[in-house]
């Protein structure tokens, strides 16, 4: 059974930091690209950051320079370090595992991040 479990969300003030974790089980983690997405109330889910199994990294323009994605294959875990958080970063953050051959995608259940003063 494949499971992706996110953790690390919470309530913070603007300018503060959070580090999200997503730990996978039931997959060969090292063969999967990992992505972080977020969905705010009333908005579509958007891609925030991605890291391939060869550590190629991309960010959305809205988080570039503030967020950092990394992975630890030994721990089957992908991280999202979020600095200088803004109220518009408030959303449920989900991780996703993607394998291309064969095509497989798996989602976590999400963790809430709220940025408010």
Protein backbone atom coordinates (compact mmCIF):
# COMPACT_ATOMS: atom_id res chain seq x y z
CA UNK A 1 0.00 0.00 0.00
CA UNK A 2 1.36 3.39 -1.02
CA UNK A 3 1.22 6.18 1.52
CA UNK A 4 2.47 9.75 1.46
CA UNK A 5 2.20 11.53 4.78
CA UNK A 6 2.79 15.26 5.10
CA UNK A 7 3.65 17.00 8.34
CA UNK A 8 4.97 20.30 9.61
CA UNK A 9 2.09 22.61 8.84
CA UNK A 10 0.74 25.11 11.30
CA UNK A 11 -0.16 28.69 12.08
CA UNK A 12 2.61 31.27 11.76
CA UNK A 13 2.90 35.02 11.46
CA UNK A 14 4.01 36.78 8.28
CA UNK A 15 7.78 36.63 7.85
CA UNK A 16 8.17 33.41 9.81
CA UNK A 17 9.27 30.02 8.53
CA UNK A 18 7.96 26.47 8.38
CA UNK A 19 9.46 23.24 7.13
CA UNK A 20 7.12 20.66 5.66
CA UNK A 21 7.98 16.99 5.35
CA UNK A 22 6.44 14.28 3.22
CA UNK A 23 7.39 10.69 3.94
CA UNK A 24 6.54 7.97 1.46
CA UNK A 25 6.08 4.26 1.95
CA UNK A 26 5.19 1.47 -0.44
CA UNK A 27 7.12 2.94 -3.39
CA UNK A 28 10.71 2.97 -4.59
CA UNK A 29 11.15 6.57 -3.54
CA UNK A 30 14.41 7.11 -5.43
CA UNK A 31 12.68 6.44 -8.77
CA UNK A 32 10.02 9.11 -8.26
CA UNK A 33 10.01 12.82 -8.87
CA UNK A 34 8.45 14.62 -5.92
CA UNK A 35 6.35 17.73 -6.06
CA UNK A 36 4.65 20.07 -3.61
CA UNK A 37 1.32 21.60 -4.49
CA UNK A 38 -0.99 23.89 -2.58
CA UNK A 39 -4.67 24.69 -2.67
CA UNK A 40 -6.20 27.74 -1.08
CA UNK A 41 -9.94 27.97 -0.41
CA UNK A 42 -11.81 28.67 -3.61
CA UNK A 43 -8.72 28.33 -5.77
CA UNK A 44 -7.28 25.65 -7.99
CA UNK A 45 -4.44 23.50 -6.80
CA UNK A 46 -1.12 24.90 -7.96
CA UNK A 47 2.36 23.47 -8.30
CA UNK A 48 4.77 25.07 -5.86
CA UNK A 49 8.03 23.15 -6.26
CA UNK A 50 9.38 20.00 -7.81
CA UNK A 51 12.49 17.86 -7.54
CA UNK A 52 13.29 15.01 -9.91
CA UNK A 53 15.00 11.78 -8.96
CA UNK A 54 18.17 13.35 -10.34
CA UNK A 55 17.68 16.46 -8.18
CA UNK A 56 16.58 18.87 -10.90
CA UNK A 57 14.57 21.52 -9.08
CA UNK A 58 11.95 24.02 -10.16
CA UNK A 59 9.81 26.56 -8.32
CA UNK A 60 6.77 28.59 -9.12
CA UNK A 61 7.44 32.29 -9.50
CA UNK A 62 5.35 33.06 -6.44
CA UNK A 63 7.72 31.17 -4.10
CA UNK A 64 11.07 31.45 -5.86
CA UNK A 65 13.71 32.79 -3.49
CA UNK A 66 11.62 32.00 -0.40
CA UNK A 67 10.95 28.24 -0.59
CA UNK A 68 13.45 25.43 -0.94
CA UNK A 69 12.71 21.82 -1.86
CA UNK A 70 15.01 18.94 -1.01
CA UNK A 71 14.88 15.19 -0.70
CA UNK A 72 16.51 12.48 1.38
CA UNK A 73 16.22 9.17 -0.42
CA UNK A 74 17.55 7.29 2.59
CA UNK A 75 14.55 8.52 4.59
CA UNK A 76 12.02 8.39 1.73
CA UNK A 77 11.27 12.00 2.52
CA UNK A 78 10.90 15.24 0.61
CA UNK A 79 11.03 18.59 2.37
CA UNK A 80 9.76 22.07 1.69
CA UNK A 81 11.51 24.81 3.61
CA UNK A 82 9.32 27.90 3.54
CA UNK A 83 10.84 31.20 4.60
CA UNK A 84 9.44 34.72 4.76
CA UNK A 85 5.90 33.38 4.67
CA UNK A 86 3.12 35.64 3.46
CA UNK A 87 -0.64 35.53 4.06
CA UNK A 88 -1.09 34.48 0.43
CA UNK A 89 0.87 31.31 1.17
CA UNK A 90 -2.05 30.12 3.28
CA UNK A 91 -3.27 26.84 1.81
CA UNK A 92 -3.37 23.10 2.23
CA UNK A 93 -0.03 21.76 1.02
CA UNK A 94 0.09 18.36 -0.66
CA UNK A 95 3.02 16.29 -1.83
CA UNK A 96 2.90 14.08 -4.89
CA UNK A 97 5.11 11.26 -6.11
CA UNK A 98 5.43 10.84 -9.85
CA UNK A 99 6.97 8.00 -11.79
CA UNK A 100 7.05 8.10 -15.59
CA UNK A 101 7.82 4.50 -16.52
CA UNK A 102 5.33 3.08 -15.80
CA UNK A 103 3.16 6.13 -15.21
CA UNK A 104 2.22 6.35 -11.55
CA UNK A 105 1.15 9.27 -9.36
CA UNK A 106 0.39 9.28 -5.67
CA UNK A 107 -0.88 12.10 -3.46
CA UNK A 108 -0.63 12.80 0.22
CA UNK A 109 -3.59 13.97 2.27
CA UNK A 110 -2.19 17.44 2.83
CA UNK A 111 -1.13 19.65 5.72
CA UNK A 112 -2.61 23.06 6.52
CA UNK A 113 -0.39 26.14 6.47
CA UNK A 114 -1.92 29.35 7.77
CA UNK A 115 -0.05 32.64 7.70
CA UNK A 116 -1.79 35.31 9.69
CA UNK A 117 -1.03 38.08 12.13
